[in-house]
C-alpha atoms as a PDB file:
ATOM      1  CA  UNK A   1      13.705 -13.527  10.634  1.00  0.00           C
ATOM      2  CA  UNK A   2      13.636  -9.727  10.475  1.00  0.00           C
ATOM      3  CA  UNK A   3      12.653  -7.711  13.482  1.00  0.00           C
ATOM      4  CA  UNK A   4      10.434  -4.675  13.300  1.00  0.00           C
ATOM      5  CA  UNK A   5      13.470  -2.370  13.341  1.00  0.00           C
ATOM      6  CA  UNK A   6      14.965  -4.040  10.256  1.00  0.00           C
ATOM      7  CA  UNK A   7      11.881  -3.589   8.052  1.00  0.00           C
ATOM      8  CA  UNK A   8      11.827  -1.000   5.314  1.00  0.00           C
ATOM      9  CA  UNK A   9      10.025   2.175   6.480  1.00  0.00           C
ATOM     10  CA  UNK A  10       7.305   1.748   3.859  1.00  0.00           C
ATOM     11  CA  UNK A  11       6.617  -1.793   5.101  1.00  0.00           C
ATOM     12  CA  UNK A  12       6.347  -0.484   8.661  1.00  0.00           C
ATOM     13  CA  UNK A  13       3.881   2.178   7.470  1.00  0.00           C
ATOM     14  CA  UNK A  14       1.899  -0.492   5.645  1.00  0.00           C
ATOM     15  CA  UNK A  15       1.691  -2.613   8.800  1.00  0.00           C
ATOM     16  CA  UNK A  16       0.255   0.369  10.688  1.00  0.00           C
ATOM     17  CA  UNK A  17      -2.182   0.922   7.827  1.00  0.00           C
ATOM     18  CA  UNK A  18      -3.318  -2.713   8.015  1.00  0.00           C
ATOM     19  CA  UNK A  19      -3.971  -2.349  11.756  1.00  0.00           C
ATOM     20  CA  UNK A  20      -6.351   0.518  10.898  1.00  0.00           C
ATOM     21  CA  UNK A  21      -8.008  -1.579   8.157  1.00  0.00           C
ATOM     22  CA  UNK A  22      -8.524  -5.012   9.773  1.00  0.00           C
ATOM     23  CA  UNK A  23     -10.889  -6.284   7.077  1.00  0.00           C
ATOM     24  CA  UNK A  24      -7.832  -6.625   4.834  1.00  0.00           C
ATOM     25  CA  UNK A  25      -6.766  -9.599   6.940  1.00  0.00           C
ATOM     26  CA  UNK A  26     -10.053 -11.364   6.207  1.00  0.00           C
ATOM     27  CA  UNK A  27      -9.667 -10.679   2.481  1.00  0.00           C
ATOM     28  CA  UNK A  28      -6.209 -12.277   2.464  1.00  0.00           C
ATOM     29  CA  UNK A  29      -7.341 -15.264   4.518  1.00  0.00           C
ATOM     30  CA  UNK A  30     -10.310 -15.850   2.208  1.00  0.00           C
ATOM     31  CA  UNK A  31      -8.027 -15.735  -0.846  1.00  0.00           C
ATOM     32  CA  UNK A  32      -9.540 -12.613  -2.415  1.00  0.00           C
ATOM     33  CA  UNK A  33      -6.151 -10.874  -2.537  1.00  0.00           C
ATOM     34  CA  UNK A  34      -2.568 -11.386  -1.437  1.00  0.00           C
ATOM     35  CA  UNK A  35      -0.523  -9.149   0.834  1.00  0.00           C
ATOM     36  CA  UNK A  36       1.649  -8.295  -2.176  1.00  0.00           C
ATOM     37  CA  UNK A  37      -1.404  -7.051  -4.095  1.00  0.00           C
ATOM     38  CA  UNK A  38      -2.576  -4.984  -1.133  1.00  0.00           C
ATOM     39  CA  UNK A  39       0.892  -3.533  -0.630  1.00  0.00           C
ATOM     40  CA  UNK A  40       1.261  -2.552  -4.301  1.00  0.00           C
ATOM     41  CA  UNK A  41      -2.193  -0.921  -4.335  1.00  0.00           C
ATOM     42  CA  UNK A  42      -1.414   0.896  -1.096  1.00  0.00           C
ATOM     43  CA  UNK A  43       1.935   2.054  -2.459  1.00  0.00           C
ATOM     44  CA  UNK A  44       0.491   3.273  -5.779  1.00  0.00           C
ATOM     45  CA  UNK A  45      -2.885   4.630  -4.680  1.00  0.00           C
ATOM     46  CA  UNK A  46      -1.984   5.965  -1.256  1.00  0.00           C
ATOM     47  CA  UNK A  47      -3.853   5.709   2.029  1.00  0.00           C
ATOM     48  CA  UNK A  48      -6.586   8.183   1.081  1.00  0.00           C
ATOM     49  CA  UNK A  49      -8.027   6.248  -1.846  1.00  0.00           C
ATOM     50  CA  UNK A  50     -11.718   5.413  -1.516  1.00  0.00           C
ATOM     51  CA  UNK A  51     -11.113   1.684  -2.024  1.00  0.00           C
ATOM     52  CA  UNK A  52      -9.721   1.394   1.516  1.00  0.00           C
ATOM     53  CA  UNK A  53     -13.051   2.388   3.083  1.00  0.00           C
ATOM     54  CA  UNK A  54     -14.343  -1.140   2.562  1.00  0.00           C
ATOM     55  CA  UNK A  55     -11.551  -2.539   4.757  1.00  0.00           C
ATOM     56  CA  UNK A  56     -12.080  -0.209   7.719  1.00  0.00           C
ATOM     57  CA  UNK A  57     -13.940  -1.340  10.780  1.00  0.00           C
ATOM     58  CA  UNK A  58     -17.548  -0.141  10.637  1.00  0.00           C
ATOM     59  CA  UNK A  59     -18.102   3.376  11.928  1.00  0.00           C
ATOM     60  CA  UNK A  60     -14.427   4.330  12.129  1.00  0.00           C
ATOM     61  CA  UNK A  61     -13.823   7.929  11.019  1.00  0.00           C
ATOM     62  CA  UNK A  62     -10.775   8.640   8.922  1.00  0.00           C
ATOM     63  CA  UNK A  63      -8.878  11.098  11.116  1.00  0.00           C
ATOM     64  CA  UNK A  64      -5.765  11.047   8.973  1.00  0.00           C
ATOM     65  CA  UNK A  65      -7.433  12.513   5.865  1.00  0.00           C
ATOM     66  CA  UNK A  66      -7.902  16.020   7.272  1.00  0.00           C
ATOM     67  CA  UNK A  67      -4.386  16.251   8.700  1.00  0.00           C
ATOM     68  CA  UNK A  68      -2.786  14.817   5.577  1.00  0.00           C
ATOM     69  CA  UNK A  69      -4.779  17.133   3.296  1.00  0.00           C
ATOM     70  CA  UNK A  70      -3.708  20.165   5.309  1.00  0.00           C
ATOM     71  CA  UNK A  71      -0.095  18.980   5.280  1.00  0.00           C
ATOM     72  CA  UNK A  72       0.047  18.331   1.537  1.00  0.00           C
ATOM     73  CA  UNK A  73      -1.833  21.485   0.530  1.00  0.00           C
ATOM     74  CA  UNK A  74      -0.973  21.690  -3.153  1.00  0.00           C
ATOM     75  CA  UNK A  75      -1.045  17.897  -3.548  1.00  0.00           C
ATOM     76  CA  UNK A  76      -4.847  17.922  -3.615  1.00  0.00           C
ATOM     77  CA  UNK A  77      -4.966  18.991  -7.279  1.00  0.00           C
ATOM     78  CA  UNK A  78      -4.557  16.883 -10.377  1.00  0.00           C
ATOM     79  CA  UNK A  79      -0.934  17.931 -10.868  1.00  0.00           C
ATOM     80  CA  UNK A  80      -0.142  16.997  -7.266  1.00  0.00           C
ATOM     81  CA  UNK A  81      -1.746  13.598  -7.721  1.00  0.00           C
ATOM     82  CA  UNK A  82       0.219  12.993 -10.913  1.00  0.00           C
ATOM     83  CA  UNK A  83       3.481  14.008  -9.245  1.00  0.00           C
ATOM     84  CA  UNK A  84       2.722  11.686  -6.343  1.00  0.00           C
ATOM     85  CA  UNK A  85       2.025   8.834  -8.762  1.00  0.00           C
ATOM     86  CA  UNK A  86       5.229   9.464 -10.720  1.00  0.00           C
ATOM     87  CA  UNK A  87       7.298   9.475  -7.521  1.00  0.00           C
ATOM     88  CA  UNK A  88       5.916   6.063  -6.586  1.00  0.00           C
ATOM     89  CA  UNK A  89       6.668   4.337  -9.913  1.00  0.00           C
ATOM     90  CA  UNK A  90       9.030   1.392  -9.575  1.00  0.00           C
ATOM     91  CA  UNK A  91      11.233   1.542 -12.663  1.00  0.00           C
ATOM     92  CA  UNK A  92      12.587  -1.990 -12.167  1.00  0.00           C
ATOM     93  CA  UNK A  93       9.061  -3.373 -12.231  1.00  0.00           C
ATOM     94  CA  UNK A  94       8.242  -1.370 -15.362  1.00  0.00           C
ATOM     95  CA  UNK A  95      11.410  -2.662 -17.046  1.00  0.00           C
ATOM     96  CA  UNK A  96      10.378  -6.228 -16.202  1.00  0.00           C
ATOM     97  CA  UNK A  97       6.936  -5.692 -17.733  1.00  0.00           C
ATOM     98  CA  UNK A  98       8.419  -4.088 -20.846  1.00  0.00           C
ATOM     99  CA  UNK A  99      10.772  -7.054 -21.285  1.00  0.00           C
ATOM    100  CA  UNK A 100       7.867  -9.471 -20.989  1.00  0.00           C
ATOM    101  CA  UNK A 101       5.826  -7.549 -23.537  1.00  0.00           C
ATOM    102  CA  UNK A 102       8.803  -7.365 -25.901  1.00  0.00           C
ATOM    103  CA  UNK A 103       9.291 -11.137 -25.695  1.00  0.00           C
ATOM    104  CA  UNK A 104       5.594 -11.714 -26.357  1.00  0.00           C
ATOM    105  CA  UNK A 105       5.637  -9.421 -29.387  1.00  0.00           C
ATOM    106  CA  UNK A 106       8.730 -11.217 -30.700  1.00  0.00           C
ATOM    107  CA  UNK A 107       6.984 -14.568 -30.352  1.00  0.00           C
ATOM    108  CA  UNK A 108       3.922 -13.281 -32.198  1.00  0.00           C
ATOM    109  CA  UNK A 109       6.129 -11.901 -34.963  1.00  0.00           C
ATOM    110  CA  UNK A 110       7.845 -15.282 -35.365  1.00  0.00           C
ATOM    111  CA  UNK A 111       4.495 -17.048 -35.674  1.00  0.00           C
ATOM    112  CA  UNK A 112       3.323 -14.514 -38.254  1.00  0.00           C
ATOM    113  CA  UNK A 113       6.558 -14.931 -40.236  1.00  0.00           C
ATOM    114  CA  UNK A 114       6.118 -18.701 -40.238  1.00  0.00           C
ATOM    115  CA  UNK A 115       2.673 -18.325 -41.751  1.00  0.00           C
ATOM    116  CA  UNK A 116       3.880 -15.744 -44.263  1.00  0.00           C
ATOM    117  CA  UNK A 117       6.901 -17.722 -45.476  1.00  0.00           C
ATOM    118  CA  UNK A 118       4.940 -20.255 -47.591  1.00  0.00           C
ATOM    119  CA  UNK A 119       2.679 -17.499 -48.876  1.00  0.00           C
ATOM    120  CA  UNK A 120       5.547 -15.256 -49.910  1.00  0.00           C
ATOM    121  CA  UNK A 121       6.685 -17.703 -52.611  1.00  0.00           C
ATOM    122  CA  UNK A 122       3.083 -18.003 -53.824  1.00  0.00           C
ATOM    123  CA  UNK A 123       2.583 -14.246 -53.936  1.00  0.00           C
ATOM    124  CA  UNK A 124       5.707 -13.758 -56.036  1.00  0.00           C
ATOM    125  CA  UNK A 125       4.136 -15.863 -58.777  1.00  0.00           C
ATOM    126  CA  UNK A 126       0.782 -14.100 -58.734  1.00  0.00           C
ATOM    127  CA  UNK A 127       1.947 -10.770 -60.184  1.00  0.00           C
ATOM    128  CA  UNK A 128       3.074 -12.548 -63.328  1.00  0.00           C
ATOM    129  CA  UNK A 129      -0.520 -13.670 -63.954  1.00  0.00           C
ATOM    130  CA  UNK A 130      -1.902 -10.244 -63.131  1.00  0.00           C
ATOM    131  CA  UNK A 131      -2.914  -8.409 -66.357  1.00  0.00           C
ATOM    132  CA  UNK A 132      -2.150  -5.066 -64.732  1.00  0.00           C
ATOM    133  CA  UNK A 133       1.362  -5.997 -63.660  1.00  0.00           C
ATOM    134  CA  UNK A 134       4.046  -4.051 -65.477  1.00  0.00           C
ATOM    135  CA  UNK A 135       7.638  -5.156 -65.643  1.00  0.00           C
ATOM    136  CA  UNK A 136      10.595  -2.913 -66.193  1.00  0.00           C
ATOM    137  CA  UNK A 137      12.255  -3.061 -69.594  1.00  0.00           C
END
C-alpha cells in the first residue's frame, strides 16, 4: 500500500481538493460517479470550474479563487484557458480512444463491404440493360 509521500503530486492535490468538497464523497458512495471520473474532471477542468460548487459544504467561500486568479494573471483569458487545457491533455489516453474509434470504423466498413459484395455482381449486369449505357469500341 502506498503512503502519502509516495503518491503522485497531482493525486495529493486532488485529495486536498476532495477535503474541501466533501459532498463528492456522498456522490461516490451513492454511485453517481466514480473517483476516476471526478479525478479526470478535476484534472481537465481545474479547481475553479463552476461544477465544483455543488460539492462544497454549504456557505463555504472559495478563498482560493482570488489568490489563484491573481497568480495566473494572463490565464484568465480564452487563450490562457486553451493553453491550460492543452497542457493537461493525456496523449496516451487520446491514442487509446483513437485506436478504439479506428477499430470501430474498420468493423463498420467490413459490414458494409459484406452487404455490397452481392450487390456488386448485380450492379455490373444492370448497365448492360441500361439504354443510355455506352460501351467503348
